[in-house]
C-alpha atoms as a PDB file:
ATOM      1  CA  MET A   1     243.240  94.045-192.307  1.00  0.00           C
ATOM      2  CA  SER A   2     247.029  93.961-192.373  1.00  0.00           C
ATOM      3  CA  GLU A   3     248.941  91.858-194.914  1.00  0.00           C
ATOM      4  CA  ILE A   4     252.413  90.547-194.109  1.00  0.00           C
ATOM      5  CA  VAL A   5     255.020  89.521-196.692  1.00  0.00           C
ATOM      6  CA  ARG A   6     257.105  86.730-195.099  1.00  0.00           C
ATOM      7  CA  SER A   7     260.811  85.970-195.549  1.00  0.00           C
ATOM      8  CA  GLY A   8     261.754  84.274-198.784  1.00  0.00           C
ATOM      9  CA  GLN A   9     259.599  86.629-200.832  1.00  0.00           C
ATOM     10  CA  GLU A  10     261.282  89.609-202.392  1.00  0.00           C
ATOM     11  CA  ALA A  11     259.290  92.767-201.827  1.00  0.00           C
ATOM     12  CA  PRO A  12     258.798  94.896-204.902  1.00  0.00           C
ATOM     13  CA  GLU A  13     260.789  98.111-204.959  1.00  0.00           C
ATOM     14  CA  GLU A  14     257.601 100.105-205.471  1.00  0.00           C
ATOM     15  CA  PRO A  15     254.222  98.592-204.491  1.00  0.00           C
ATOM     16  CA  ASP A  16     251.734  98.403-207.347  1.00  0.00           C
ATOM     17  CA  PHE A  17     248.846  99.249-205.084  1.00  0.00           C
ATOM     18  CA  ALA A  18     247.791 102.045-202.748  1.00  0.00           C
ATOM     19  CA  PRO A  19     246.201 101.756-199.297  1.00  0.00           C
ATOM     20  CA  ALA A  20     242.502 101.276-199.686  1.00  0.00           C
ATOM     21  CA  GLU A  21     240.391 104.059-198.111  1.00  0.00           C
ATOM     22  CA  HIS A  22     236.838 103.714-196.939  1.00  0.00           C
ATOM     23  CA  VAL A  23     234.417 103.270-199.840  1.00  0.00           C
ATOM     24  CA  HIS A  24     231.709 104.852-197.687  1.00  0.00           C
ATOM     25  CA  PRO A  25     233.234 107.376-195.271  1.00  0.00           C
ATOM     26  CA  ARG A  26     232.157 107.020-191.657  1.00  0.00           C
ATOM     27  CA  ARG A  27     230.167 109.836-190.138  1.00  0.00           C
ATOM     28  CA  THR A  28     233.046 110.648-187.824  1.00  0.00           C
ATOM     29  CA  ASP A  29     235.279 111.113-190.896  1.00  0.00           C
ATOM     30  CA  VAL A  30     233.154 113.919-192.292  1.00  0.00           C
ATOM     31  CA  ASP A  31     231.343 115.393-189.251  1.00  0.00           C
ATOM     32  CA  PRO A  32     233.618 117.014-186.593  1.00  0.00           C
ATOM     33  CA  ARG A  33     230.724 117.021-184.111  1.00  0.00           C
ATOM     34  CA  ALA A  34     230.262 113.240-184.551  1.00  0.00           C
ATOM     35  CA  ALA A  35     234.031 112.750-184.025  1.00  0.00           C
ATOM     36  CA  ARG A  36     233.961 114.804-180.838  1.00  0.00           C
ATOM     37  CA  ARG A  37     230.912 112.885-179.610  1.00  0.00           C
ATOM     38  CA  ALA A  38     232.681 109.523-180.243  1.00  0.00           C
ATOM     39  CA  GLU A  39     235.731 110.916-178.458  1.00  0.00           C
ATOM     40  CA  ARG A  40     233.601 111.734-175.418  1.00  0.00           C
ATOM     41  CA  GLN A  41     231.977 108.283-175.495  1.00  0.00           C
ATOM     42  CA  VAL A  42     235.417 106.634-175.465  1.00  0.00           C
ATOM     43  CA  ALA A  43     236.538 108.852-172.598  1.00  0.00           C
ATOM     44  CA  ILE A  44     233.318 108.025-170.633  1.00  0.00           C
ATOM     45  CA  LEU A  45     233.995 104.290-171.017  1.00  0.00           C
ATOM     46  CA  PHE A  46     237.583 104.735-169.750  1.00  0.00           C
ATOM     47  CA  GLY A  47     236.286 106.881-166.946  1.00  0.00           C
ATOM     48  CA  LEU A  48     233.707 104.234-165.989  1.00  0.00           C
ATOM     49  CA  SER A  49     236.555 101.691-165.886  1.00  0.00           C
ATOM     50  CA  ALA A  50     238.346 103.840-163.339  1.00  0.00           C
ATOM     51  CA  VAL A  51     235.151 104.201-161.277  1.00  0.00           C
ATOM     52  CA  PHE A  52     234.512 100.448-161.221  1.00  0.00           C
ATOM     53  CA  THR A  53     238.104  99.892-160.139  1.00  0.00           C
ATOM     54  CA  LEU A  54     237.621 102.253-157.223  1.00  0.00           C
ATOM     55  CA  VAL A  55     234.325 100.464-156.372  1.00  0.00           C
ATOM     56  CA  ALA A  56     236.301  97.187-156.237  1.00  0.00           C
ATOM     57  CA  LEU A  57     238.783  98.764-153.785  1.00  0.00           C
ATOM     58  CA  ALA A  58     235.977 100.186-151.678  1.00  0.00           C
ATOM     59  CA  ALA A  59     234.146  96.810-151.630  1.00  0.00           C
ATOM     60  CA  TYR A  60     237.301  95.118-150.410  1.00  0.00           C
ATOM     61  CA  VAL A  61     237.601  97.556-147.510  1.00  0.00           C
ATOM     62  CA  LEU A  62     233.925  97.928-146.586  1.00  0.00           C
ATOM     63  CA  ILE A  63     232.313  94.480-147.089  1.00  0.00           C
ATOM     64  CA  PRO A  64     232.983  91.919-144.328  1.00  0.00           C
ATOM     65  CA  VAL A  65     234.605  88.705-145.380  1.00  0.00           C
ATOM     66  CA  ASP A  66     231.776  86.622-143.830  1.00  0.00           C
ATOM     67  CA  ALA A  67     228.934  88.669-145.416  1.00  0.00           C
ATOM     68  CA  GLY A  68     226.629  86.658-147.663  1.00  0.00           C
ATOM     69  CA  VAL A  69     224.133  87.308-150.419  1.00  0.00           C
ATOM     70  CA  SER A  70     221.633  85.067-152.197  1.00  0.00           C
ATOM     71  CA  LEU A  71     221.652  84.993-155.951  1.00  0.00           C
ATOM     72  CA  PRO A  72     219.138  83.441-158.352  1.00  0.00           C
ATOM     73  CA  LEU A  73     220.205  79.969-159.513  1.00  0.00           C
ATOM     74  CA  ALA A  74     223.359  80.177-157.331  1.00  0.00           C
ATOM     75  CA  GLY A  75     222.004  80.392-153.821  1.00  0.00           C
ATOM     76  CA  PRO A  76     223.956  81.930-150.956  1.00  0.00           C
ATOM     77  CA  VAL A  77     227.420  83.158-151.923  1.00  0.00           C
ATOM     78  CA  GLY A  78     229.990  85.536-150.450  1.00  0.00           C
ATOM     79  CA  ALA A  79     229.007  89.176-150.896  1.00  0.00           C
ATOM     80  CA  LEU A  80     232.671  90.232-151.181  1.00  0.00           C
ATOM     81  CA  ASN A  81     233.390  87.837-153.962  1.00  0.00           C
ATOM     82  CA  VAL A  82     230.304  89.006-155.925  1.00  0.00           C
ATOM     83  CA  ALA A  83     231.236  92.680-155.479  1.00  0.00           C
ATOM     84  CA  LEU A  84     234.874  92.193-156.483  1.00  0.00           C
ATOM     85  CA  GLY A  85     233.966  90.037-159.436  1.00  0.00           C
ATOM     86  CA  LEU A  86     231.350  92.375-160.849  1.00  0.00           C
ATOM     87  CA  SER A  87     233.231  95.638-160.278  1.00  0.00           C
ATOM     88  CA  PHE A  88     236.613  94.431-161.536  1.00  0.00           C
ATOM     89  CA  GLY A  89     235.007  92.611-164.455  1.00  0.00           C
ATOM     90  CA  LEU A  90     233.116  95.765-165.501  1.00  0.00           C
ATOM     91  CA  ALA A  91     236.312  97.773-165.200  1.00  0.00           C
ATOM     92  CA  ILE A  92     238.076  95.457-167.669  1.00  0.00           C
ATOM     93  CA  LEU A  93     235.004  95.389-169.932  1.00  0.00           C
ATOM     94  CA  CYS A  94     234.829  99.193-170.131  1.00  0.00           C
ATOM     95  CA  ILE A  95     238.435  99.429-171.204  1.00  0.00           C
ATOM     96  CA  GLY A  96     237.881  96.831-173.900  1.00  0.00           C
ATOM     97  CA  LEU A  97     234.731  98.531-175.129  1.00  0.00           C
ATOM     98  CA  GLY A  98     236.452 101.927-175.153  1.00  0.00           C
ATOM     99  CA  VAL A  99     239.365 100.682-177.215  1.00  0.00           C
ATOM    100  CA  ILE A 100     237.034  98.985-179.748  1.00  0.00           C
ATOM    101  CA  HIS A 101     234.854 102.091-180.036  1.00  0.00           C
ATOM    102  CA  TRP A 102     237.985 104.247-180.468  1.00  0.00           C
ATOM    103  CA  ALA A 103     239.276 101.991-183.229  1.00  0.00           C
ATOM    104  CA  ARG A 104     235.983 101.750-185.112  1.00  0.00           C
ATOM    105  CA  LYS A 105     234.957 105.374-184.949  1.00  0.00           C
ATOM    106  CA  LEU A 106     238.145 107.437-184.872  1.00  0.00           C
ATOM    107  CA  MET A 107     241.158 105.493-186.176  1.00  0.00           C
ATOM    108  CA  PRO A 108     241.769 105.214-189.941  1.00  0.00           C
ATOM    109  CA  GLY A 109     240.492 102.109-191.640  1.00  0.00           C
ATOM    110  CA  SER A 110     242.950 101.918-194.521  1.00  0.00           C
ATOM    111  CA  GLU A 111     245.046  98.830-195.141  1.00  0.00           C
ATOM    112  CA  VAL A 112     248.707  98.863-194.147  1.00  0.00           C
ATOM    113  CA  VAL A 113     251.350  96.650-195.729  1.00  0.00           C
ATOM    114  CA  ALA A 114     254.485  95.805-193.688  1.00  0.00           C
ATOM    115  CA  GLN A 115     257.439  94.227-195.455  1.00  0.00           C
ATOM    116  CA  ARG A 116     259.183  91.561-193.324  1.00  0.00           C
ATOM    117  CA  HIS A 117     262.572  90.007-193.804  1.00  0.00           C
ATOM    118  CA  GLU A 118     264.629  87.570-191.768  1.00  0.00           C
ATOM    119  CA  LEU A 119     267.824  89.610-192.136  1.00  0.00           C
ATOM    120  CA  ARG A 120     268.349  93.028-190.704  1.00  0.00           C
ATOM    121  CA  SER A 121     266.605  95.696-192.675  1.00  0.00           C
ATOM    122  CA  THR A 122     268.491  98.435-194.418  1.00  0.00           C
ATOM    123  CA  ASP A 123     268.733 101.841-192.842  1.00  0.00           C
ATOM    124  CA  GLU A 124     266.271 103.131-195.335  1.00  0.00           C
ATOM    125  CA  ASP A 125     263.727 100.412-194.336  1.00  0.00           C
ATOM    126  CA  ARG A 126     264.313 101.054-190.672  1.00  0.00           C
ATOM    127  CA  ALA A 127     263.777 104.787-191.230  1.00  0.00           C
ATOM    128  CA  ALA A 128     260.615 103.937-193.175  1.00  0.00           C
ATOM    129  CA  ALA A 129     259.382 101.741-190.301  1.00  0.00           C
ATOM    130  CA  VAL A 130     259.906 104.531-187.804  1.00  0.00           C
ATOM    131  CA  ALA A 131     258.020 106.885-190.144  1.00  0.00           C
ATOM    132  CA  ALA A 132     255.217 104.358-190.476  1.00  0.00           C
ATOM    133  CA  PHE A 133     255.031 104.045-186.659  1.00  0.00           C
ATOM    134  CA  GLU A 134     254.903 107.784-186.246  1.00  0.00           C
ATOM    135  CA  ARG A 135     252.235 108.015-188.932  1.00  0.00           C
ATOM    136  CA  GLY A 136     250.187 105.365-187.135  1.00  0.00           C
ATOM    137  CA  LEU A 137     250.604 107.267-183.858  1.00  0.00           C
ATOM    138  CA  ASP A 138     249.351 110.408-185.573  1.00  0.00           C
ATOM    139  CA  ASP A 139     246.482 108.562-187.257  1.00  0.00           C
ATOM    140  CA  SER A 140     245.334 106.994-183.910  1.00  0.00           C
ATOM    141  CA  GLY A 141     244.907 110.476-182.466  1.00  0.00           C
ATOM    142  CA  PHE A 142     246.556 109.425-179.231  1.00  0.00           C
ATOM    143  CA  ALA A 143     248.646 112.546-179.138  1.00  0.00           C
ATOM    144  CA  GLN A 144     245.982 114.886-180.592  1.00  0.00           C
ATOM    145  CA  ARG A 145     243.099 113.703-178.390  1.00  0.00           C
ATOM    146  CA  PRO A 146     244.188 114.456-174.813  1.00  0.00           C
ATOM    147  CA  ILE A 147     240.855 113.524-173.250  1.00  0.00           C
ATOM    148  CA  ILE A 148     241.134 109.949-174.589  1.00  0.00           C
ATOM    149  CA  ARG A 149     244.833 109.762-173.674  1.00  0.00           C
ATOM    150  CA  ARG A 150     244.342 110.917-170.103  1.00  0.00           C
ATOM    151  CA  SER A 151     241.261 108.819-169.419  1.00  0.00           C
ATOM    152  CA  LEU A 152     242.855 105.686-170.785  1.00  0.00           C
ATOM    153  CA  LEU A 153     246.107 106.236-168.817  1.00  0.00           C
ATOM    154  CA  GLY A 154     244.051 106.884-165.693  1.00  0.00           C
ATOM    155  CA  ALA A 155     242.045 103.688-166.108  1.00  0.00           C
ATOM    156  CA  LEU A 156     245.164 101.605-166.821  1.00  0.00           C
ATOM    157  CA  ALA A 157     246.973 103.121-163.859  1.00  0.00           C
ATOM    158  CA  LEU A 158     244.176 101.950-161.477  1.00  0.00           C
ATOM    159  CA  MET A 159     243.730  98.572-163.115  1.00  0.00           C
ATOM    160  CA  PRO A 160     246.601  96.747-161.271  1.00  0.00           C
ATOM    161  CA  LEU A 161     245.300  97.708-157.820  1.00  0.00           C
ATOM    162  CA  PRO A 162     242.566  95.009-157.563  1.00  0.00           C
ATOM    163  CA  LEU A 163     245.116  92.487-158.746  1.00  0.00           C
ATOM    164  CA  VAL A 164     247.342  93.420-155.829  1.00  0.00           C
ATOM    165  CA  ILE A 165     244.423  93.003-153.475  1.00  0.00           C
ATOM    166  CA  ILE A 166     243.447  89.619-154.965  1.00  0.00           C
ATOM    167  CA  LEU A 167     247.005  88.302-154.692  1.00  0.00           C
ATOM    168  CA  ARG A 168     247.383  89.581-151.158  1.00  0.00           C
ATOM    169  CA  ASP A 169     244.089  88.026-150.206  1.00  0.00           C
ATOM    170  CA  LEU A 170     244.949  84.517-151.355  1.00  0.00           C
ATOM    171  CA  TYR A 171     245.524  83.788-147.672  1.00  0.00           C
ATOM    172  CA  THR A 172     244.186  85.839-144.807  1.00  0.00           C
ATOM    173  CA  SER A 173     244.923  84.653-141.273  1.00  0.00           C
ATOM    174  CA  PRO A 174     242.012  84.964-138.887  1.00  0.00           C
ATOM    175  CA  PRO A 175     242.618  87.154-135.823  1.00  0.00           C
ATOM    176  CA  ASN A 176     245.267  85.662-133.569  1.00  0.00           C
ATOM    177  CA  ALA A 177     245.664  82.680-135.885  1.00  0.00           C
ATOM    178  CA  LEU A 178     248.946  81.025-136.738  1.00  0.00           C
ATOM    179  CA  SER A 179     250.726  81.870-139.982  1.00  0.00           C
ATOM    180  CA  PRO A 180     251.102  79.168-142.655  1.00  0.00           C
ATOM    181  CA  ALA A 181     254.701  78.636-141.572  1.00  0.00           C
ATOM    182  CA  GLU A 182     253.652  78.198-137.942  1.00  0.00           C
ATOM    183  CA  GLN A 183     250.820  75.865-138.894  1.00  0.00           C
ATOM    184  CA  LEU A 184     253.113  73.594-140.843  1.00  0.00           C
ATOM    185  CA  SER A 185     255.731  73.591-138.103  1.00  0.00           C
ATOM    186  CA  GLU A 186     253.420  71.607-135.777  1.00  0.00           C
ATOM    187  CA  THR A 187     251.494  68.377-136.267  1.00  0.00           C
ATOM    188  CA  ILE A 188     249.524  66.100-133.892  1.00  0.00           C
ATOM    189  CA  TRP A 189     252.505  63.777-133.522  1.00  0.00           C
ATOM    190  CA  ASP A 190     253.905  63.758-130.015  1.00  0.00           C
ATOM    191  CA  GLY A 191     255.988  61.526-127.747  1.00  0.00           C
ATOM    192  CA  GLY A 192     254.277  58.213-127.151  1.00  0.00           C
ATOM    193  CA  VAL A 193     251.721  58.514-129.966  1.00  0.00           C
ATOM    194  CA  ARG A 194     251.353  55.144-131.685  1.00  0.00           C
ATOM    195  CA  VAL A 195     251.815  54.684-135.421  1.00  0.00           C
ATOM    196  CA  VAL A 196     248.775  53.101-137.045  1.00  0.00           C
ATOM    197  CA  SER A 197     248.301  51.796-140.558  1.00  0.00           C
ATOM    198  CA  ASP A 198     246.526  54.116-143.022  1.00  0.00           C
ATOM    199  CA  ILE A 199     243.852  51.721-144.212  1.00  0.00           C
ATOM    200  CA  ALA A 200     243.264  49.275-141.336  1.00  0.00           C
ATOM    201  CA  ASP A 201     243.903  51.904-138.664  1.00  0.00           C
ATOM    202  CA  ARG A 202     245.647  49.395-136.361  1.00  0.00           C
ATOM    203  CA  PRO A 203     248.873  49.838-134.386  1.00  0.00           C
ATOM    204  CA  ILE A 204     252.003  48.634-136.100  1.00  0.00           C
ATOM    205  CA  ARG A 205     254.683  46.410-134.605  1.00  0.00           C
ATOM    206  CA  PRO A 206     258.261  46.219-135.986  1.00  0.00           C
ATOM    207  CA  GLU A 207     257.654  42.736-137.390  1.00  0.00           C
ATOM    208  CA  ASP A 208     254.803  44.140-139.521  1.00  0.00           C
ATOM    209  CA  VAL A 209     257.310  46.061-141.642  1.00  0.00           C
ATOM    210  CA  PRO A 210     259.547  43.690-143.689  1.00  0.00           C
ATOM    211  CA  ILE A 211     262.979  44.684-144.994  1.00  0.00           C
ATOM    212  CA  GLY A 212     262.406  46.552-148.222  1.00  0.00           C
ATOM    213  CA  GLY A 213     258.786  47.175-147.308  1.00  0.00           C
ATOM    214  CA  LEU A 214     256.865  50.443-147.198  1.00  0.00           C
ATOM    215  CA  VAL A 215     253.808  51.219-145.080  1.00  0.00           C
ATOM    216  CA  SER A 216     251.616  54.328-145.172  1.00  0.00           C
ATOM    217  CA  ALA A 217     250.692  55.302-141.677  1.00  0.00           C
ATOM    218  CA  ASN A 218     249.022  57.970-139.468  1.00  0.00           C
ATOM    219  CA  PRO A 219     249.080  58.922-135.761  1.00  0.00           C
ATOM    220  CA  GLU A 220     246.670  56.995-133.541  1.00  0.00           C
ATOM    221  CA  ASN A 221     245.276  60.204-132.072  1.00  0.00           C
ATOM    222  CA  LEU A 222     243.965  61.405-135.438  1.00  0.00           C
ATOM    223  CA  HIS A 223     240.435  60.327-134.482  1.00  0.00           C
ATOM    224  CA  GLU A 224     240.532  62.844-131.641  1.00  0.00           C
ATOM    225  CA  VAL A 225     240.333  65.675-134.172  1.00  0.00           C
ATOM    226  CA  GLU A 226     236.558  65.520-134.665  1.00  0.00           C
ATOM    227  CA  GLU A 227     235.893  68.558-136.921  1.00  0.00           C
ATOM    228  CA  ALA A 228     235.905  67.427-140.596  1.00  0.00           C
ATOM    229  CA  ALA A 229     238.096  70.255-141.918  1.00  0.00           C
ATOM    230  CA  GLY A 230     240.473  70.076-138.966  1.00  0.00           C
ATOM    231  CA  ASN A 231     240.732  66.341-139.334  1.00  0.00           C
ATOM    232  CA  LEU A 232     241.687  66.627-143.015  1.00  0.00           C
ATOM    233  CA  ASN A 233     244.306  69.277-142.235  1.00  0.00           C
ATOM    234  CA  ALA A 234     245.765  67.199-139.432  1.00  0.00           C
ATOM    235  CA  ARG A 235     245.788  64.079-141.628  1.00  0.00           C
ATOM    236  CA  ALA A 236     247.528  65.949-144.454  1.00  0.00           C
ATOM    237  CA  LYS A 237     250.292  67.246-142.170  1.00  0.00           C
ATOM    238  CA  ALA A 238     250.839  64.057-140.166  1.00  0.00           C
ATOM    239  CA  ALA A 239     250.798  61.368-142.895  1.00  0.00           C
ATOM    240  CA  ILE A 240     254.053  59.327-142.802  1.00  0.00           C
ATOM    241  CA  LEU A 241     255.811  56.444-144.548  1.00  0.00           C
ATOM    242  CA  LEU A 242     257.489  53.618-142.664  1.00  0.00           C
ATOM    243  CA  VAL A 243     260.379  51.933-144.519  1.00  0.00           C
ATOM    244  CA  ARG A 244     262.736  49.191-143.313  1.00  0.00           C
ATOM    245  CA  MET A 245     266.279  48.465-144.397  1.00  0.00           C
ATOM    246  CA  ARG A 246     269.307  46.840-142.892  1.00  0.00           C
ATOM    247  CA  PRO A 247     270.688  49.006-140.028  1.00  0.00           C
ATOM    248  CA  ASP A 248     274.169  49.073-141.596  1.00  0.00           C
ATOM    249  CA  GLU A 249     272.677  50.789-144.706  1.00  0.00           C
ATOM    250  CA  ILE A 250     271.424  53.784-142.769  1.00  0.00           C
ATOM    251  CA  VAL A 251     273.452  56.952-142.899  1.00  0.00           C
ATOM    252  CA  SER A 252     271.921  59.453-140.479  1.00  0.00           C
ATOM    253  CA  GLU A 253     272.999  63.066-140.177  1.00  0.00           C
ATOM    254  CA  GLN A 254     270.793  63.470-137.093  1.00  0.00           C
ATOM    255  CA  GLY A 255     272.535  60.944-134.852  1.00  0.00           C
ATOM    256  CA  GLU A 256     271.098  57.891-133.098  1.00  0.00           C
ATOM    257  CA  GLY A 257     267.556  57.455-131.817  1.00  0.00           C
ATOM    258  CA  TRP A 258     265.725  58.280-135.051  1.00  0.00           C
ATOM    259  CA  SER A 259     265.186  54.724-136.207  1.00  0.00           C
ATOM    260  CA  TYR A 260     264.341  51.385-134.614  1.00  0.00           C
ATOM    261  CA  GLU A 261     265.908  48.122-135.893  1.00  0.00           C
ATOM    262  CA  GLY A 262     266.252  49.620-139.390  1.00  0.00           C
ATOM    263  CA  ILE A 263     262.725  51.147-139.465  1.00  0.00           C
ATOM    264  CA  LEU A 264     262.555  54.818-140.456  1.00  0.00           C
ATOM    265  CA  ALA A 265     259.611  57.171-140.554  1.00  0.00           C
ATOM    266  CA  PHE A 266     259.403  60.073-142.945  1.00  0.00           C
ATOM    267  CA  SER A 267     256.721  62.593-143.874  1.00  0.00           C
ATOM    268  CA  LYS A 268     254.682  61.523-146.882  1.00  0.00           C
ATOM    269  CA  ILE A 269     254.419  65.088-148.226  1.00  0.00           C
ATOM    270  CA  CYS A 270     257.011  66.220-150.829  1.00  0.00           C
ATOM    271  CA  THR A 271     258.937  69.345-149.838  1.00  0.00           C
ATOM    272  CA  HIS A 272     258.633  70.775-153.324  1.00  0.00           C
ATOM    273  CA  VAL A 273     254.952  71.585-153.784  1.00  0.00           C
ATOM    274  CA  GLY A 274     253.326  69.144-151.354  1.00  0.00           C
ATOM    275  CA  CYS A 275     252.459  66.103-153.443  1.00  0.00           C
ATOM    276  CA  PRO A 276     251.956  62.800-151.554  1.00  0.00           C
ATOM    277  CA  ILE A 277     254.739  60.276-152.202  1.00  0.00           C
ATOM    278  CA  ALA A 278     254.652  56.484-152.090  1.00  0.00           C
ATOM    279  CA  LEU A 279     257.008  55.369-154.911  1.00  0.00           C
ATOM    280  CA  TYR A 280     259.869  53.584-153.173  1.00  0.00           C
ATOM    281  CA  GLU A 281     262.812  51.772-154.793  1.00  0.00           C
ATOM    282  CA  GLN A 282     264.072  49.103-152.419  1.00  0.00           C
ATOM    283  CA  ARG A 283     267.489  48.625-154.017  1.00  0.00           C
ATOM    284  CA  THR A 284     268.571  52.282-153.910  1.00  0.00           C
ATOM    285  CA  HIS A 285     266.367  53.362-150.983  1.00  0.00           C
ATOM    286  CA  HIS A 286     265.164  56.268-153.143  1.00  0.00           C
ATOM    287  CA  LEU A 287     261.705  57.803-152.729  1.00  0.00           C
ATOM    288  CA  LEU A 288     260.356  59.388-155.959  1.00  0.00           C
ATOM    289  CA  CYS A 289     257.722  62.146-156.139  1.00  0.00           C
ATOM    290  CA  PRO A 290     255.338  61.405-159.075  1.00  0.00           C
ATOM    291  CA  CYS A 291     254.564  65.068-159.651  1.00  0.00           C
ATOM    292  CA  HIS A 292     257.962  66.598-160.549  1.00  0.00           C
ATOM    293  CA  GLN A 293     260.361  63.711-160.088  1.00  0.00           C
ATOM    294  CA  SER A 294     262.087  65.004-156.908  1.00  0.00           C
ATOM    295  CA  THR A 295     264.046  62.042-155.498  1.00  0.00           C
ATOM    296  CA  PHE A 296     265.028  61.574-151.856  1.00  0.00           C
ATOM    297  CA  ASP A 297     267.525  59.099-150.358  1.00  0.00           C
ATOM    298  CA  LEU A 298     265.821  57.634-147.286  1.00  0.00           C
ATOM    299  CA  ALA A 299     269.003  55.857-146.260  1.00  0.00           C
ATOM    300  CA  ASP A 300     270.706  59.219-146.035  1.00  0.00           C
ATOM    301  CA  SER A 301     268.329  61.223-143.798  1.00  0.00           C
ATOM    302  CA  GLY A 302     265.911  61.794-146.692  1.00  0.00           C
ATOM    303  CA  ASN A 303     268.282  64.169-148.509  1.00  0.00           C
ATOM    304  CA  VAL A 304     267.469  65.346-152.072  1.00  0.00           C
ATOM    305  CA  VAL A 305     269.406  63.532-154.758  1.00  0.00           C
ATOM    306  CA  PHE A 306     267.489  64.812-157.814  1.00  0.00           C
ATOM    307  CA  GLY A 307     264.743  67.170-158.819  1.00  0.00           C
ATOM    308  CA  PRO A 308     263.421  70.619-157.897  1.00  0.00           C
ATOM    309  CA  ALA A 309     262.881  69.958-154.187  1.00  0.00           C
ATOM    310  CA  ALA A 310     265.178  72.124-152.064  1.00  0.00           C
ATOM    311  CA  ARG A 311     264.699  70.462-148.636  1.00  0.00           C
ATOM    312  CA  ARG A 312     265.011  66.876-147.408  1.00  0.00           C
ATOM    313  CA  MET A 313     262.011  64.863-146.312  1.00  0.00           C
ATOM    314  CA  PRO A 314     261.246  65.602-142.624  1.00  0.00           C
ATOM    315  CA  GLN A 315     261.959  62.553-140.478  1.00  0.00           C
ATOM    316  CA  LEU A 316     259.929  61.440-137.457  1.00  0.00           C
ATOM    317  CA  PRO A 317     261.945  59.954-134.577  1.00  0.00           C
ATOM    318  CA  ILE A 318     260.422  56.582-133.554  1.00  0.00           C
ATOM    319  CA  THR A 319     260.858  53.805-131.005  1.00  0.00           C
ATOM    320  CA  VAL A 320     258.597  51.124-129.464  1.00  0.00           C
ATOM    321  CA  ASP A 321     256.381  51.330-126.326  1.00  0.00           C
ATOM    322  CA  GLU A 322     256.072  48.829-123.504  1.00  0.00           C
ATOM    323  CA  GLU A 323     253.685  46.683-125.592  1.00  0.00           C
ATOM    324  CA  GLY A 324     256.020  46.531-128.553  1.00  0.00           C
ATOM    325  CA  PHE A 325     254.156  48.945-130.858  1.00  0.00           C
ATOM    326  CA  ILE A 326     255.937  51.586-132.868  1.00  0.00           C
ATOM    327  CA  VAL A 327     255.465  55.070-131.380  1.00  0.00           C
ATOM    328  CA  ALA A 328     256.776  58.550-132.090  1.00  0.00           C
ATOM    329  CA  GLN A 329     259.376  60.037-129.750  1.00  0.00           C
ATOM    330  CA  SER A 330     258.305  63.609-130.544  1.00  0.00           C
ATOM    331  CA  ASP A 331     256.852  65.754-133.306  1.00  0.00           C
ATOM    332  CA  PHE A 332     258.818  66.495-136.529  1.00  0.00           C
ATOM    333  CA  GLN A 333     261.831  68.660-135.820  1.00  0.00           C
ATOM    334  CA  GLU A 334     261.305  70.674-139.034  1.00  0.00           C
ATOM    335  CA  PRO A 335     258.237  71.903-140.916  1.00  0.00           C
ATOM    336  CA  VAL A 336     256.457  69.438-143.137  1.00  0.00           C
ATOM    337  CA  GLY A 337     255.050  70.152-146.603  1.00  0.00           C
ATOM    338  CA  PRO A 338     256.220  72.404-149.420  1.00  0.00           C
ATOM    339  CA  SER A 339     258.777  75.158-149.033  1.00  0.00           C
ATOM    340  CA  PHE A 340     257.684  78.784-149.491  1.00  0.00           C
ATOM    341  CA  TRP A 341     258.940  82.323-148.945  1.00  0.00           C
ATOM    342  CA  GLU A 342     257.993  82.639-145.310  1.00  0.00           C
ATOM    343  CA  ARG A 343     260.528  79.981-144.305  1.00  0.00           C
ATOM    344  CA  GLY A 344     264.063  81.183-143.631  1.00  0.00           C
END
């Protein structure tokens, strides 16, 4: 147990105590064969850690992603997840057990007192600290016990490899599938697709959107995506907000044809990390993201005026059809959703 003397307390020039040794020496302190046996046990644990890490790598390569296994109380689960979790978990456990066994059996158990001060220590104190560190290094046996040193360094060298695999495997595209950037670059909006209200699911006319009003909406063809997961993905990408302001208040960088009688359509998904937005301030025409306070000026092409978002809100060009309902003129001209490294 280490004791620390904090700042504000003057350390005595000469401590009136000595480090306390073991009252009852450990067997490894008096028996060289017991010490060598403990040393081998620590090395075995570190070696097992390296083996389990290699097992995790082999499992990642050999076990198919869609392979399953049934576990008691859990039911069917992914075999790859089970193999990676067990092997990598055991690799970490073996390193921890090895370090604990090393400390309990082979490292000295005497108390060490470190004097701490707020101001810079004197050269003598700094030299004493270096000497104490070197003494601790000698006492640990890290330099004198090569089998422990090499097995620990080998286990730690392999330890990051499963982490690289896990991070790389956060997203794996199926064969011939679109990348995340390509998936977010297309939605089910298209020319002539009607805009329908989010709750009532009915087509919207211009007179349904009052000046200063905001309406959450979706594409009418959303019901054509029958698969549940596909429908949720399509809904998440295609959700929009309709806002209306006086036409003379609109400043558009994209030219004419993007609005109709002061009605504008923007993606509902924040370009920072993808939170849905519906907080609209009529007086300033600002749209506020509730997650990280990114603020967009809808009167000025949805440009960012505050917050961490780096891209403006994607705008959907709209008009009306022959029956007077609001329709899209095309898909979004830029990817919807959060920005990430794959986008140039």
